[in-house]
Amino acid sequence: MVMYLETIFYYLFVLDSISYLALCYTKQYHTKLHHWTSQHFPLNHVFGYVYLGLLIWLGFALRRLTII
C-alpha cells in the first residue's frame, strides 16, 4: 500500500477531530477555562460534529479517487 501525503494529512485531521470532540465532552474537567484559540474556535459540540462530518465527506472523496 502506497502512503500518499494526502492520506497522512487526512488521518492526522481525523485524529485532530476526534481529540477535539473529546475535549468538547470533557471541558468541565479542564483547569484552564479560556485559551487564546477559544476566541476564534469555540469548544462546542456542533462545531466538532461539523468538522467530523466534513472529514468523513473528504474521506469518501479520497476513497473514490483510490488515494485511501
PDB file of N, CA and C in Angstrom:
ATOM      1  N   MET A   1       0.848  -1.179   0.000  1.00  0.00           N
ATOM      2  CA  MET A   1       0.000   0.000   0.000  1.00  0.00           C
ATOM      3  C   MET A   1       0.891   1.240   0.000  1.00  0.00           C
ATOM      4  N   VAL A   2       0.626   2.105  -0.924  1.00  0.00           N
ATOM      5  CA  VAL A   2       1.385   3.341  -1.044  1.00  0.00           C
ATOM      6  C   VAL A   2       0.723   4.396  -0.165  1.00  0.00           C
ATOM      7  N   MET A   3       1.530   5.054   0.667  1.00  0.00           N
ATOM      8  CA  MET A   3       1.008   6.123   1.524  1.00  0.00           C
ATOM      9  C   MET A   3       1.306   7.471   0.856  1.00  0.00           C
ATOM     10  N   TYR A   4       0.262   8.127   0.414  1.00  0.00           N
ATOM     11  CA  TYR A   4       0.409   9.449  -0.167  1.00  0.00           C
ATOM     12  C   TYR A   4       0.412  10.495   0.943  1.00  0.00           C
ATOM     13  N   LEU A   5       0.864  11.669   0.611  1.00  0.00           N
ATOM     14  CA  LEU A   5       0.891  12.769   1.568  1.00  0.00           C
ATOM     15  C   LEU A   5      -0.531  13.159   1.981  1.00  0.00           C
ATOM     16  N   GLU A   6      -1.470  13.084   1.045  1.00  0.00           N
ATOM     17  CA  GLU A   6      -2.863  13.389   1.353  1.00  0.00           C
ATOM     18  C   GLU A   6      -3.435  12.415   2.380  1.00  0.00           C
ATOM     19  N   THR A   7      -3.036  11.163   2.292  1.00  0.00           N
ATOM     20  CA  THR A   7      -3.510  10.154   3.236  1.00  0.00           C
ATOM     21  C   THR A   7      -3.004  10.443   4.641  1.00  0.00           C
ATOM     22  N   ILE A   8      -1.761  10.811   4.753  1.00  0.00           N
ATOM     23  CA  ILE A   8      -1.178  11.129   6.061  1.00  0.00           C
ATOM     24  C   ILE A   8      -1.872  12.345   6.663  1.00  0.00           C
ATOM     25  N   PHE A   9      -2.078  13.384   5.853  1.00  0.00           N
ATOM     26  CA  PHE A   9      -2.769  14.572   6.344  1.00  0.00           C
ATOM     27  C   PHE A   9      -4.214  14.254   6.732  1.00  0.00           C
ATOM     28  N   TYR A  10      -4.871  13.394   5.947  1.00  0.00           N
ATOM     29  CA  TYR A  10      -6.248  13.038   6.257  1.00  0.00           C
ATOM     30  C   TYR A  10      -6.338  12.353   7.617  1.00  0.00           C
ATOM     31  N   TYR A  11      -5.477  11.394   7.868  1.00  0.00           N
ATOM     32  CA  TYR A  11      -5.537  10.687   9.147  1.00  0.00           C
ATOM     33  C   TYR A  11      -5.120  11.581  10.315  1.00  0.00           C
ATOM     34  N   LEU A  12      -4.230  12.533  10.084  1.00  0.00           N
ATOM     35  CA  LEU A  12      -3.896  13.494  11.137  1.00  0.00           C
ATOM     36  C   LEU A  12      -5.092  14.387  11.469  1.00  0.00           C
ATOM     37  N   PHE A  13      -5.825  14.798  10.442  1.00  0.00           N
ATOM     38  CA  PHE A  13      -7.019  15.606  10.681  1.00  0.00           C
ATOM     39  C   PHE A  13      -8.122  14.804  11.364  1.00  0.00           C
ATOM     40  N   VAL A  14      -8.247  13.528  11.031  1.00  0.00           N
ATOM     41  CA  VAL A  14      -9.233  12.686  11.714  1.00  0.00           C
ATOM     42  C   VAL A  14      -8.874  12.553  13.192  1.00  0.00           C
ATOM     43  N   LEU A  15      -7.606  12.348  13.484  1.00  0.00           N
ATOM     44  CA  LEU A  15      -7.156  12.278  14.870  1.00  0.00           C
ATOM     45  C   LEU A  15      -7.411  13.591  15.597  1.00  0.00           C
ATOM     46  N   ASP A  16      -7.183  14.705  14.908  1.00  0.00           N
ATOM     47  CA  ASP A  16      -7.454  16.017  15.491  1.00  0.00           C
ATOM     48  C   ASP A  16      -8.937  16.209  15.760  1.00  0.00           C
ATOM     49  N   SER A  17      -9.786  15.766  14.844  1.00  0.00           N
ATOM     50  CA  SER A  17     -11.224  15.901  15.034  1.00  0.00           C
ATOM     51  C   SER A  17     -11.719  15.069  16.211  1.00  0.00           C
ATOM     52  N   ILE A  18     -11.218  13.870  16.352  1.00  0.00           N
ATOM     53  CA  ILE A  18     -11.628  13.014  17.469  1.00  0.00           C
ATOM     54  C   ILE A  18     -11.148  13.596  18.789  1.00  0.00           C
ATOM     55  N   SER A  19      -9.931  14.130  18.818  1.00  0.00           N
ATOM     56  CA  SER A  19      -9.446  14.745  20.055  1.00  0.00           C
ATOM     57  C   SER A  19     -10.216  16.026  20.369  1.00  0.00           C
ATOM     58  N   TYR A  20     -10.644  16.768  19.345  1.00  0.00           N
ATOM     59  CA  TYR A  20     -11.455  17.968  19.565  1.00  0.00           C
ATOM     60  C   TYR A  20     -12.798  17.606  20.189  1.00  0.00           C
ATOM     61  N   LEU A  21     -13.435  16.547  19.680  1.00  0.00           N
ATOM     62  CA  LEU A  21     -14.704  16.125  20.264  1.00  0.00           C
ATOM     63  C   LEU A  21     -14.513  15.623  21.684  1.00  0.00           C
ATOM     64  N   ALA A  22     -13.404  14.956  21.961  1.00  0.00           N
ATOM     65  CA  ALA A  22     -13.129  14.511  23.330  1.00  0.00           C
ATOM     66  C   ALA A  22     -12.953  15.713  24.251  1.00  0.00           C
ATOM     67  N   LEU A  23     -12.294  16.759  23.776  1.00  0.00           N
ATOM     68  CA  LEU A  23     -12.154  17.969  24.574  1.00  0.00           C
ATOM     69  C   LEU A  23     -13.497  18.656  24.795  1.00  0.00           C
ATOM     70  N   CYS A  24     -14.385  18.592  23.805  1.00  0.00           N
ATOM     71  CA  CYS A  24     -15.714  19.190  23.971  1.00  0.00           C
ATOM     72  C   CYS A  24     -16.505  18.500  25.069  1.00  0.00           C
ATOM     73  N   TYR A  25     -16.414  17.202  25.125  1.00  0.00           N
ATOM     74  CA  TYR A  25     -17.202  16.468  26.110  1.00  0.00           C
ATOM     75  C   TYR A  25     -16.563  16.435  27.486  1.00  0.00           C
ATOM     76  N   THR A  26     -15.282  16.776  27.594  1.00  0.00           N
ATOM     77  CA  THR A  26     -14.619  16.756  28.903  1.00  0.00           C
ATOM     78  C   THR A  26     -14.140  18.129  29.316  1.00  0.00           C
ATOM     79  N   LYS A  27     -14.755  19.192  28.813  1.00  0.00           N
ATOM     80  CA  LYS A  27     -14.258  20.536  29.124  1.00  0.00           C
ATOM     81  C   LYS A  27     -14.507  20.943  30.566  1.00  0.00           C
ATOM     82  N   GLN A  28     -15.401  20.279  31.279  1.00  0.00           N
ATOM     83  CA  GLN A  28     -15.611  20.608  32.685  1.00  0.00           C
ATOM     84  C   GLN A  28     -14.457  20.097  33.553  1.00  0.00           C
ATOM     85  N   TYR A  29     -13.639  19.196  33.029  1.00  0.00           N
ATOM     86  CA  TYR A  29     -12.511  18.671  33.785  1.00  0.00           C
ATOM     87  C   TYR A  29     -11.219  19.443  33.553  1.00  0.00           C
ATOM     88  N   HIS A  30     -11.228  20.386  32.652  1.00  0.00           N
ATOM     89  CA  HIS A  30     -10.011  21.146  32.364  1.00  0.00           C
ATOM     90  C   HIS A  30      -9.833  22.248  33.409  1.00  0.00           C
ATOM     91  N   THR A  31      -8.584  22.505  33.777  1.00  0.00           N
ATOM     92  CA  THR A  31      -8.328  23.534  34.784  1.00  0.00           C
ATOM     93  C   THR A  31      -8.312  24.925  34.168  1.00  0.00           C
ATOM     94  N   LYS A  32      -7.879  25.036  32.931  1.00  0.00           N
ATOM     95  CA  LYS A  32      -7.815  26.335  32.271  1.00  0.00           C
ATOM     96  C   LYS A  32      -9.123  26.579  31.521  1.00  0.00           C
ATOM     97  N   LEU A  33      -9.850  27.614  31.885  1.00  0.00           N
ATOM     98  CA  LEU A  33     -11.158  27.849  31.293  1.00  0.00           C
ATOM     99  C   LEU A  33     -11.085  28.543  29.942  1.00  0.00           C
ATOM    100  N   HIS A  34     -10.108  29.412  29.753  1.00  0.00           N
ATOM    101  CA  HIS A  34     -10.011  30.144  28.492  1.00  0.00           C
ATOM    102  C   HIS A  34      -8.626  29.949  27.887  1.00  0.00           C
ATOM    103  N   HIS A  35      -8.608  29.781  26.617  1.00  0.00           N
ATOM    104  CA  HIS A  35      -7.369  29.623  25.876  1.00  0.00           C
ATOM    105  C   HIS A  35      -7.366  30.653  24.765  1.00  0.00           C
ATOM    106  N   TRP A  36      -6.201  30.996  24.246  1.00  0.00           N
ATOM    107  CA  TRP A  36      -6.146  32.041  23.230  1.00  0.00           C
ATOM    108  C   TRP A  36      -6.836  31.605  21.941  1.00  0.00           C
ATOM    109  N   THR A  37      -6.949  30.302  21.679  1.00  0.00           N
ATOM    110  CA  THR A  37      -7.652  29.867  20.474  1.00  0.00           C
ATOM    111  C   THR A  37      -9.159  29.855  20.641  1.00  0.00           C
ATOM    112  N   SER A  38      -9.652  29.920  21.882  1.00  0.00           N
ATOM    113  CA  SER A  38     -11.101  29.877  22.082  1.00  0.00           C
ATOM    114  C   SER A  38     -11.785  31.158  21.603  1.00  0.00           C
ATOM    115  N   GLN A  39     -11.022  32.204  21.358  1.00  0.00           N
ATOM    116  CA  GLN A  39     -11.620  33.409  20.793  1.00  0.00           C
ATOM    117  C   GLN A  39     -12.014  33.185  19.334  1.00  0.00           C
ATOM    118  N   HIS A  40     -11.261  32.319  18.632  1.00  0.00           N
ATOM    119  CA  HIS A  40     -11.523  32.070  17.220  1.00  0.00           C
ATOM    120  C   HIS A  40     -12.289  30.766  16.992  1.00  0.00           C
ATOM    121  N   PHE A  41     -11.982  29.733  17.764  1.00  0.00           N
ATOM    122  CA  PHE A  41     -12.606  28.422  17.611  1.00  0.00           C
ATOM    123  C   PHE A  41     -13.177  27.977  18.954  1.00  0.00           C
ATOM    124  N   PRO A  42     -14.447  28.224  19.197  1.00  0.00           N
ATOM    125  CA  PRO A  42     -15.026  27.854  20.495  1.00  0.00           C
ATOM    126  C   PRO A  42     -15.166  26.338  20.624  1.00  0.00           C
ATOM    127  N   LEU A  43     -15.102  25.850  21.842  1.00  0.00           N
ATOM    128  CA  LEU A  43     -15.284  24.430  22.099  1.00  0.00           C
ATOM    129  C   LEU A  43     -16.773  24.149  22.245  1.00  0.00           C
ATOM    130  N   ASN A  44     -17.415  23.770  21.168  1.00  0.00           N
ATOM    131  CA  ASN A  44     -18.804  23.350  21.261  1.00  0.00           C
ATOM    132  C   ASN A  44     -19.010  22.113  20.407  1.00  0.00           C
ATOM    133  N   HIS A  45     -20.082  21.403  20.696  1.00  0.00           N
ATOM    134  CA  HIS A  45     -20.320  20.122  20.051  1.00  0.00           C
ATOM    135  C   HIS A  45     -20.697  20.267  18.580  1.00  0.00           C
ATOM    136  N   VAL A  46     -21.428  21.311  18.255  1.00  0.00           N
ATOM    137  CA  VAL A  46     -21.886  21.485  16.876  1.00  0.00           C
ATOM    138  C   VAL A  46     -20.701  21.680  15.942  1.00  0.00           C
ATOM    139  N   PHE A  47     -19.761  22.532  16.331  1.00  0.00           N
ATOM    140  CA  PHE A  47     -18.587  22.753  15.507  1.00  0.00           C
ATOM    141  C   PHE A  47     -17.774  21.463  15.373  1.00  0.00           C
ATOM    142  N   GLY A  48     -17.702  20.682  16.437  1.00  0.00           N
ATOM    143  CA  GLY A  48     -16.975  19.420  16.396  1.00  0.00           C
ATOM    144  C   GLY A  48     -17.604  18.418  15.446  1.00  0.00           C
ATOM    145  N   TYR A  49     -18.931  18.332  15.461  1.00  0.00           N
ATOM    146  CA  TYR A  49     -19.607  17.401  14.556  1.00  0.00           C
ATOM    147  C   TYR A  49     -19.564  17.877  13.108  1.00  0.00           C
ATOM    148  N   VAL A  50     -19.607  19.176  12.883  1.00  0.00           N
ATOM    149  CA  VAL A  50     -19.450  19.693  11.517  1.00  0.00           C
ATOM    150  C   VAL A  50     -18.053  19.384  10.999  1.00  0.00           C
ATOM    151  N   TYR A  51     -17.056  19.552  11.847  1.00  0.00           N
ATOM    152  CA  TYR A  51     -15.668  19.248  11.491  1.00  0.00           C
ATOM    153  C   TYR A  51     -15.523  17.765  11.159  1.00  0.00           C
ATOM    154  N   LEU A  52     -16.106  16.897  11.980  1.00  0.00           N
ATOM    155  CA  LEU A  52     -16.039  15.462  11.726  1.00  0.00           C
ATOM    156  C   LEU A  52     -16.814  15.091  10.461  1.00  0.00           C
ATOM    157  N   GLY A  53     -17.950  15.728  10.246  1.00  0.00           N
ATOM    158  CA  GLY A  53     -18.723  15.459   9.035  1.00  0.00           C
ATOM    159  C   GLY A  53     -17.990  15.857   7.764  1.00  0.00           C
ATOM    160  N   LEU A  54     -17.329  16.993   7.800  1.00  0.00           N
ATOM    161  CA  LEU A  54     -16.538  17.401   6.634  1.00  0.00           C
ATOM    162  C   LEU A  54     -15.384  16.445   6.372  1.00  0.00           C
ATOM    163  N   LEU A  55     -14.793  15.924   7.431  1.00  0.00           N
ATOM    164  CA  LEU A  55     -13.701  14.968   7.247  1.00  0.00           C
ATOM    165  C   LEU A  55     -14.203  13.637   6.705  1.00  0.00           C
ATOM    166  N   ILE A  56     -15.386  13.218   7.132  1.00  0.00           N
ATOM    167  CA  ILE A  56     -15.952  11.984   6.579  1.00  0.00           C
ATOM    168  C   ILE A  56     -16.279  12.162   5.099  1.00  0.00           C
ATOM    169  N   TRP A  57     -16.813  13.336   4.754  1.00  0.00           N
ATOM    170  CA  TRP A  57     -17.103  13.626   3.355  1.00  0.00           C
ATOM    171  C   TRP A  57     -15.809  13.639   2.533  1.00  0.00           C
ATOM    172  N   LEU A  58     -14.757  14.247   3.060  1.00  0.00           N
ATOM    173  CA  LEU A  58     -13.469  14.242   2.382  1.00  0.00           C
ATOM    174  C   LEU A  58     -12.921  12.827   2.270  1.00  0.00           C
ATOM    175  N   GLY A  59     -13.146  12.010   3.282  1.00  0.00           N
ATOM    176  CA  GLY A  59     -12.697  10.617   3.232  1.00  0.00           C
ATOM    177  C   GLY A  59     -13.383   9.837   2.131  1.00  0.00           C
ATOM    178  N   PHE A  60     -14.697  10.063   1.947  1.00  0.00           N
ATOM    179  CA  PHE A  60     -15.400   9.410   0.854  1.00  0.00           C
ATOM    180  C   PHE A  60     -14.836   9.849  -0.504  1.00  0.00           C
ATOM    181  N   ALA A  61     -14.520  11.138  -0.625  1.00  0.00           N
ATOM    182  CA  ALA A  61     -13.961  11.639  -1.887  1.00  0.00           C
ATOM    183  C   ALA A  61     -12.572  11.041  -2.147  1.00  0.00           C
ATOM    184  N   LEU A  62     -11.745  10.960  -1.115  1.00  0.00           N
ATOM    185  CA  LEU A  62     -10.427  10.371  -1.288  1.00  0.00           C
ATOM    186  C   LEU A  62     -10.514   8.882  -1.558  1.00  0.00           C
ATOM    187  N   ARG A  63     -11.518   8.230  -1.000  1.00  0.00           N
ATOM    188  CA  ARG A  63     -11.724   6.794  -1.249  1.00  0.00           C
ATOM    189  C   ARG A  63     -12.142   6.550  -2.696  1.00  0.00           C
ATOM    190  N   ARG A  64     -12.989   7.428  -3.219  1.00  0.00           N
ATOM    191  CA  ARG A  64     -13.417   7.275  -4.617  1.00  0.00           C
ATOM    192  C   ARG A  64     -12.276   7.530  -5.586  1.00  0.00           C
ATOM    193  N   LEU A  65     -11.329   8.355  -5.195  1.00  0.00           N
ATOM    194  CA  LEU A  65     -10.160   8.607  -6.030  1.00  0.00           C
ATOM    195  C   LEU A  65      -9.061   7.571  -5.820  1.00  0.00           C
ATOM    196  N   THR A  66      -9.338   6.585  -4.982  1.00  0.00           N
ATOM    197  CA  THR A  66      -8.428   5.493  -4.608  1.00  0.00           C
ATOM    198  C   THR A  66      -7.101   6.002  -4.044  1.00  0.00           C
ATOM    199  N   ILE A  67      -7.183   7.066  -3.285  1.00  0.00           N
ATOM    200  CA  ILE A  67      -5.996   7.578  -2.590  1.00  0.00           C
ATOM    201  C   ILE A  67      -5.883   6.928  -1.225  1.00  0.00           C
ATOM    202  N   ILE A  68      -7.013   6.670  -0.611  1.00  0.00           N
ATOM    203  CA  ILE A  68      -7.010   5.983   0.690  1.00  0.00           C
ATOM    204  C   ILE A  68      -7.240   4.507   0.449  1.00  0.00           C
TER     205      ILE A  68
END
